[in-house]
Amino acid sequence: MFQLSVPAKFGATLGRRSATLALLGVAALGLSACGGKERPRADLAASQVTTIGVNSYLWRASLDALSFMPLLQADSSGGVIITDWYANPGNPNERMKVTVSILDRDLRADALRVAASRQVAQGGTWVDAPVQAATVQKLEEIILTRARDLRRSAFEG
């Protein structure tokens, strides 16, 4: 019978390679099962209907909630809305500026980030002042509620 002679070093390397490939194959097979979650059809519709890069309901709700403030920038593909300074006519010695970032294509609370800046007039100049956390939370709540209402009305009507 014919016998093939393989150097010991080559055989050990070949054995390690085979073991490594087998291990990678098992890992890939295990990871392929992780993607089994299907997104609900409604959520896909929310993000795929438009050509903007973020959730369309959050985008529209953010614009609606900030419609009383002048806009500096509105980038729908990046999901950023920046307002200019706004002074409430009832309190002209205080002004606010808001930045809304939409971070995802899904309608989720953690896909929305709101930041606000506040200034007060002192001696003819504007001085930075703290913003109450409740102000930012309330604005986030308004945007999320409006986005849910928009989504609900899109499926009912």
C-alpha atoms as a PDB file:
ATOM      1  CA  MET A   1       0.000   0.000   0.000  1.00  0.00           C
ATOM      2  CA  PHE A   2       1.224   3.497  -0.833  1.00  0.00           C
ATOM      3  CA  GLN A   3       1.776   5.890   2.101  1.00  0.00           C
ATOM      4  CA  LEU A   4       2.169   9.654   1.801  1.00  0.00           C
ATOM      5  CA  SER A   5       4.732  11.141   4.083  1.00  0.00           C
ATOM      6  CA  VAL A   6       3.972  14.621   5.491  1.00  0.00           C
ATOM      7  CA  PRO A   7       6.502  16.518   7.589  1.00  0.00           C
ATOM      8  CA  ALA A   8       5.420  16.788  11.234  1.00  0.00           C
ATOM      9  CA  LYS A   9       5.462  20.613  11.271  1.00  0.00           C
ATOM     10  CA  PHE A  10       3.232  20.831   8.197  1.00  0.00           C
ATOM     11  CA  GLY A  11       0.804  18.281   9.621  1.00  0.00           C
ATOM     12  CA  ALA A  12       0.485  20.210  12.900  1.00  0.00           C
ATOM     13  CA  THR A  13      -0.125  23.480  11.026  1.00  0.00           C
ATOM     14  CA  LEU A  14      -2.697  21.807   8.800  1.00  0.00           C
ATOM     15  CA  GLY A  15      -4.425  20.371  11.874  1.00  0.00           C
ATOM     16  CA  ARG A  16      -4.597  23.803  13.554  1.00  0.00           C
ATOM     17  CA  ARG A  17      -5.957  25.371  10.387  1.00  0.00           C
ATOM     18  CA  SER A  18      -8.659  22.737  10.104  1.00  0.00           C
ATOM     19  CA  ALA A  19      -9.604  23.203  13.730  1.00  0.00           C
ATOM     20  CA  THR A  20      -9.688  26.982  13.329  1.00  0.00           C
ATOM     21  CA  LEU A  21     -11.861  26.755  10.193  1.00  0.00           C
ATOM     22  CA  ALA A  22     -14.220  24.328  11.918  1.00  0.00           C
ATOM     23  CA  LEU A  23     -14.498  26.661  14.920  1.00  0.00           C
ATOM     24  CA  LEU A  24     -15.202  29.664  12.668  1.00  0.00           C
ATOM     25  CA  GLY A  25     -17.866  27.666  10.840  1.00  0.00           C
ATOM     26  CA  VAL A  26     -19.626  26.763  14.084  1.00  0.00           C
ATOM     27  CA  ALA A  27     -19.440  30.401  15.265  1.00  0.00           C
ATOM     28  CA  ALA A  28     -20.869  31.681  11.985  1.00  0.00           C
ATOM     29  CA  LEU A  29     -23.690  29.164  12.152  1.00  0.00           C
ATOM     30  CA  GLY A  30     -24.495  30.248  15.717  1.00  0.00           C
ATOM     31  CA  LEU A  31     -24.462  33.935  14.819  1.00  0.00           C
ATOM     32  CA  SER A  32     -26.746  33.411  11.845  1.00  0.00           C
ATOM     33  CA  ALA A  33     -29.493  32.441  14.289  1.00  0.00           C
ATOM     34  CA  CYS A  34     -29.169  35.799  16.092  1.00  0.00           C
ATOM     35  CA  GLY A  35     -30.745  37.768  13.267  1.00  0.00           C
ATOM     36  CA  GLY A  36     -34.069  35.998  13.561  1.00  0.00           C
ATOM     37  CA  LYS A  37     -36.020  38.980  14.935  1.00  0.00           C
ATOM     38  CA  GLU A  38     -38.244  40.456  12.298  1.00  0.00           C
ATOM     39  CA  ARG A  39     -39.215  44.076  12.613  1.00  0.00           C
ATOM     40  CA  PRO A  40     -42.935  44.764  12.550  1.00  0.00           C
ATOM     41  CA  ARG A  41     -44.157  45.852   9.171  1.00  0.00           C
ATOM     42  CA  ALA A  42     -45.431  49.163  10.585  1.00  0.00           C
ATOM     43  CA  ASP A  43     -41.957  50.153  11.808  1.00  0.00           C
ATOM     44  CA  LEU A  44     -40.460  49.371   8.418  1.00  0.00           C
ATOM     45  CA  ALA A  45     -43.102  51.534   6.808  1.00  0.00           C
ATOM     46  CA  ALA A  46     -42.263  54.401   9.130  1.00  0.00           C
ATOM     47  CA  SER A  47     -38.649  54.495   8.109  1.00  0.00           C
ATOM     48  CA  GLN A  48     -38.812  53.380   4.506  1.00  0.00           C
ATOM     49  CA  VAL A  49     -41.648  55.541   3.163  1.00  0.00           C
ATOM     50  CA  THR A  50     -39.525  58.649   2.754  1.00  0.00           C
ATOM     51  CA  THR A  51     -36.033  59.293   1.497  1.00  0.00           C
ATOM     52  CA  ILE A  52     -34.880  60.999   4.684  1.00  0.00           C
ATOM     53  CA  GLY A  53     -32.235  59.244   6.756  1.00  0.00           C
ATOM     54  CA  VAL A  54     -34.162  59.182  10.043  1.00  0.00           C
ATOM     55  CA  ASN A  55     -37.592  58.214  11.336  1.00  0.00           C
ATOM     56  CA  SER A  56     -40.098  60.329   9.452  1.00  0.00           C
ATOM     57  CA  TYR A  57     -42.552  60.566  12.361  1.00  0.00           C
ATOM     58  CA  LEU A  58     -39.898  61.841  14.762  1.00  0.00           C
ATOM     59  CA  TRP A  59     -38.672  64.277  12.105  1.00  0.00           C
ATOM     60  CA  ARG A  60     -42.152  65.688  11.416  1.00  0.00           C
ATOM     61  CA  ALA A  61     -43.034  65.828  15.119  1.00  0.00           C
ATOM     62  CA  SER A  62     -39.801  67.690  15.906  1.00  0.00           C
ATOM     63  CA  LEU A  63     -40.479  70.265  13.208  1.00  0.00           C
ATOM     64  CA  ASP A  64     -44.043  70.670  14.462  1.00  0.00           C
ATOM     65  CA  ALA A  65     -42.947  71.091  18.084  1.00  0.00           C
ATOM     66  CA  LEU A  66     -40.342  73.726  17.154  1.00  0.00           C
ATOM     67  CA  SER A  67     -42.451  75.520  14.542  1.00  0.00           C
ATOM     68  CA  PHE A  68     -42.721  78.661  16.687  1.00  0.00           C
ATOM     69  CA  MET A  69     -38.915  79.077  16.746  1.00  0.00           C
ATOM     70  CA  PRO A  70     -36.776  80.293  13.809  1.00  0.00           C
ATOM     71  CA  LEU A  71     -34.697  77.487  12.284  1.00  0.00           C
ATOM     72  CA  LEU A  72     -30.969  77.778  11.604  1.00  0.00           C
ATOM     73  CA  GLN A  73     -30.474  74.284  10.219  1.00  0.00           C
ATOM     74  CA  ALA A  74     -32.664  71.316   9.351  1.00  0.00           C
ATOM     75  CA  ASP A  75     -30.753  68.321   7.973  1.00  0.00           C
ATOM     76  CA  SER A  76     -33.134  65.429   7.331  1.00  0.00           C
ATOM     77  CA  SER A  77     -30.451  63.011   6.195  1.00  0.00           C
ATOM     78  CA  GLY A  78     -28.392  63.578   9.342  1.00  0.00           C
ATOM     79  CA  GLY A  79     -31.409  64.046  11.602  1.00  0.00           C
ATOM     80  CA  VAL A  80     -30.380  67.386  13.113  1.00  0.00           C
ATOM     81  CA  ILE A  81     -32.590  70.415  13.730  1.00  0.00           C
ATOM     82  CA  ILE A  82     -31.023  73.560  15.191  1.00  0.00           C
ATOM     83  CA  THR A  83     -33.101  76.595  16.043  1.00  0.00           C
ATOM     84  CA  ASP A  84     -31.965  80.169  16.300  1.00  0.00           C
ATOM     85  CA  TRP A  85     -32.382  82.072  19.553  1.00  0.00           C
ATOM     86  CA  TYR A  86     -36.030  82.596  20.468  1.00  0.00           C
ATOM     87  CA  ALA A  87     -37.291  85.121  23.009  1.00  0.00           C
ATOM     88  CA  ASN A  88     -40.825  84.694  24.278  1.00  0.00           C
ATOM     89  CA  PRO A  89     -42.662  88.003  23.776  1.00  0.00           C
ATOM     90  CA  GLY A  90     -43.993  87.651  27.337  1.00  0.00           C
ATOM     91  CA  ASN A  91     -40.438  87.459  28.707  1.00  0.00           C
ATOM     92  CA  PRO A  92     -38.046  89.336  26.378  1.00  0.00           C
ATOM     93  CA  ASN A  93     -35.141  89.186  28.877  1.00  0.00           C
ATOM     94  CA  GLU A  94     -34.717  85.450  28.328  1.00  0.00           C
ATOM     95  CA  ARG A  95     -34.039  83.486  25.162  1.00  0.00           C
ATOM     96  CA  MET A  96     -33.705  79.808  24.229  1.00  0.00           C
ATOM     97  CA  LYS A  97     -31.979  77.809  21.533  1.00  0.00           C
ATOM     98  CA  VAL A  98     -32.790  74.122  20.882  1.00  0.00           C
ATOM     99  CA  THR A  99     -30.989  71.306  19.080  1.00  0.00           C
ATOM    100  CA  VAL A 100     -32.847  68.101  18.252  1.00  0.00           C
ATOM    101  CA  SER A 101     -30.963  65.023  17.070  1.00  0.00           C
ATOM    102  CA  ILE A 102     -32.785  62.010  15.691  1.00  0.00           C
ATOM    103  CA  LEU A 103     -30.456  59.051  16.003  1.00  0.00           C
ATOM    104  CA  ASP A 104     -32.319  56.144  14.414  1.00  0.00           C
ATOM    105  CA  ARG A 105     -34.801  55.135  11.753  1.00  0.00           C
ATOM    106  CA  ASP A 106     -37.065  53.495  14.346  1.00  0.00           C
ATOM    107  CA  LEU A 107     -39.708  55.282  16.392  1.00  0.00           C
ATOM    108  CA  ARG A 108     -38.160  54.803  19.835  1.00  0.00           C
ATOM    109  CA  ALA A 109     -37.625  57.102  22.798  1.00  0.00           C
ATOM    110  CA  ASP A 110     -33.867  56.570  22.726  1.00  0.00           C
ATOM    111  CA  ALA A 111     -33.754  57.635  19.072  1.00  0.00           C
ATOM    112  CA  LEU A 112     -34.374  61.249  20.129  1.00  0.00           C
ATOM    113  CA  ARG A 113     -31.961  63.621  21.845  1.00  0.00           C
ATOM    114  CA  VAL A 114     -32.893  67.192  22.743  1.00  0.00           C
ATOM    115  CA  ALA A 115     -30.460  69.810  24.015  1.00  0.00           C
ATOM    116  CA  ALA A 116     -31.329  73.371  24.976  1.00  0.00           C
ATOM    117  CA  SER A 117     -29.385  76.523  25.751  1.00  0.00           C
ATOM    118  CA  ARG A 118     -30.733  79.472  27.693  1.00  0.00           C
ATOM    119  CA  GLN A 119     -29.499  83.018  28.066  1.00  0.00           C
ATOM    120  CA  VAL A 120     -30.740  85.945  30.136  1.00  0.00           C
ATOM    121  CA  ALA A 121     -30.179  89.649  29.527  1.00  0.00           C
ATOM    122  CA  GLN A 122     -27.926  91.311  32.100  1.00  0.00           C
ATOM    123  CA  GLY A 123     -26.603  94.807  31.640  1.00  0.00           C
ATOM    124  CA  GLY A 124     -27.357  94.875  27.921  1.00  0.00           C
ATOM    125  CA  THR A 125     -25.592  91.572  27.137  1.00  0.00           C
ATOM    126  CA  TRP A 126     -26.757  87.983  26.977  1.00  0.00           C
ATOM    127  CA  VAL A 127     -25.341  85.722  29.693  1.00  0.00           C
ATOM    128  CA  ASP A 128     -25.573  81.925  29.699  1.00  0.00           C
ATOM    129  CA  ALA A 129     -27.983  80.513  32.262  1.00  0.00           C
ATOM    130  CA  PRO A 130     -28.845  76.935  33.239  1.00  0.00           C
ATOM    131  CA  VAL A 131     -31.729  75.128  31.607  1.00  0.00           C
ATOM    132  CA  GLN A 132     -34.017  73.148  33.862  1.00  0.00           C
ATOM    133  CA  ALA A 133     -33.886  69.417  33.082  1.00  0.00           C
ATOM    134  CA  ALA A 134     -37.683  69.362  33.144  1.00  0.00           C
ATOM    135  CA  THR A 135     -37.741  71.734  30.151  1.00  0.00           C
ATOM    136  CA  VAL A 136     -35.768  69.338  27.954  1.00  0.00           C
ATOM    137  CA  GLN A 137     -37.742  66.319  29.200  1.00  0.00           C
ATOM    138  CA  LYS A 138     -41.043  68.056  28.474  1.00  0.00           C
ATOM    139  CA  LEU A 139     -39.943  68.920  24.936  1.00  0.00           C
ATOM    140  CA  GLU A 140     -38.865  65.300  24.338  1.00  0.00           C
ATOM    141  CA  GLU A 141     -42.229  64.135  25.661  1.00  0.00           C
ATOM    142  CA  ILE A 142     -44.098  66.521  23.338  1.00  0.00           C
ATOM    143  CA  ILE A 143     -42.121  65.318  20.306  1.00  0.00           C
ATOM    144  CA  LEU A 144     -42.558  61.624  21.127  1.00  0.00           C
ATOM    145  CA  THR A 145     -46.292  62.013  21.762  1.00  0.00           C
ATOM    146  CA  ARG A 146     -46.742  63.889  18.486  1.00  0.00           C
ATOM    147  CA  ALA A 147     -44.708  61.246  16.596  1.00  0.00           C
ATOM    148  CA  ARG A 148     -46.873  58.458  18.016  1.00  0.00           C
ATOM    149  CA  ASP A 149     -50.010  60.365  17.035  1.00  0.00           C
ATOM    150  CA  LEU A 150     -48.696  60.852  13.490  1.00  0.00           C
ATOM    151  CA  ARG A 151     -47.876  57.144  13.213  1.00  0.00           C
ATOM    152  CA  ARG A 152     -51.268  56.132  14.589  1.00  0.00           C
ATOM    153  CA  SER A 153     -53.129  58.413  12.174  1.00  0.00           C
ATOM    154  CA  ALA A 154     -51.084  57.118   9.230  1.00  0.00           C
ATOM    155  CA  PHE A 155     -52.324  53.586   9.865  1.00  0.00           C
ATOM    156  CA  GLU A 156     -55.918  54.512  10.699  1.00  0.00           C
ATOM    157  CA  GLY A 157     -56.505  56.840   7.788  1.00  0.00           C
END
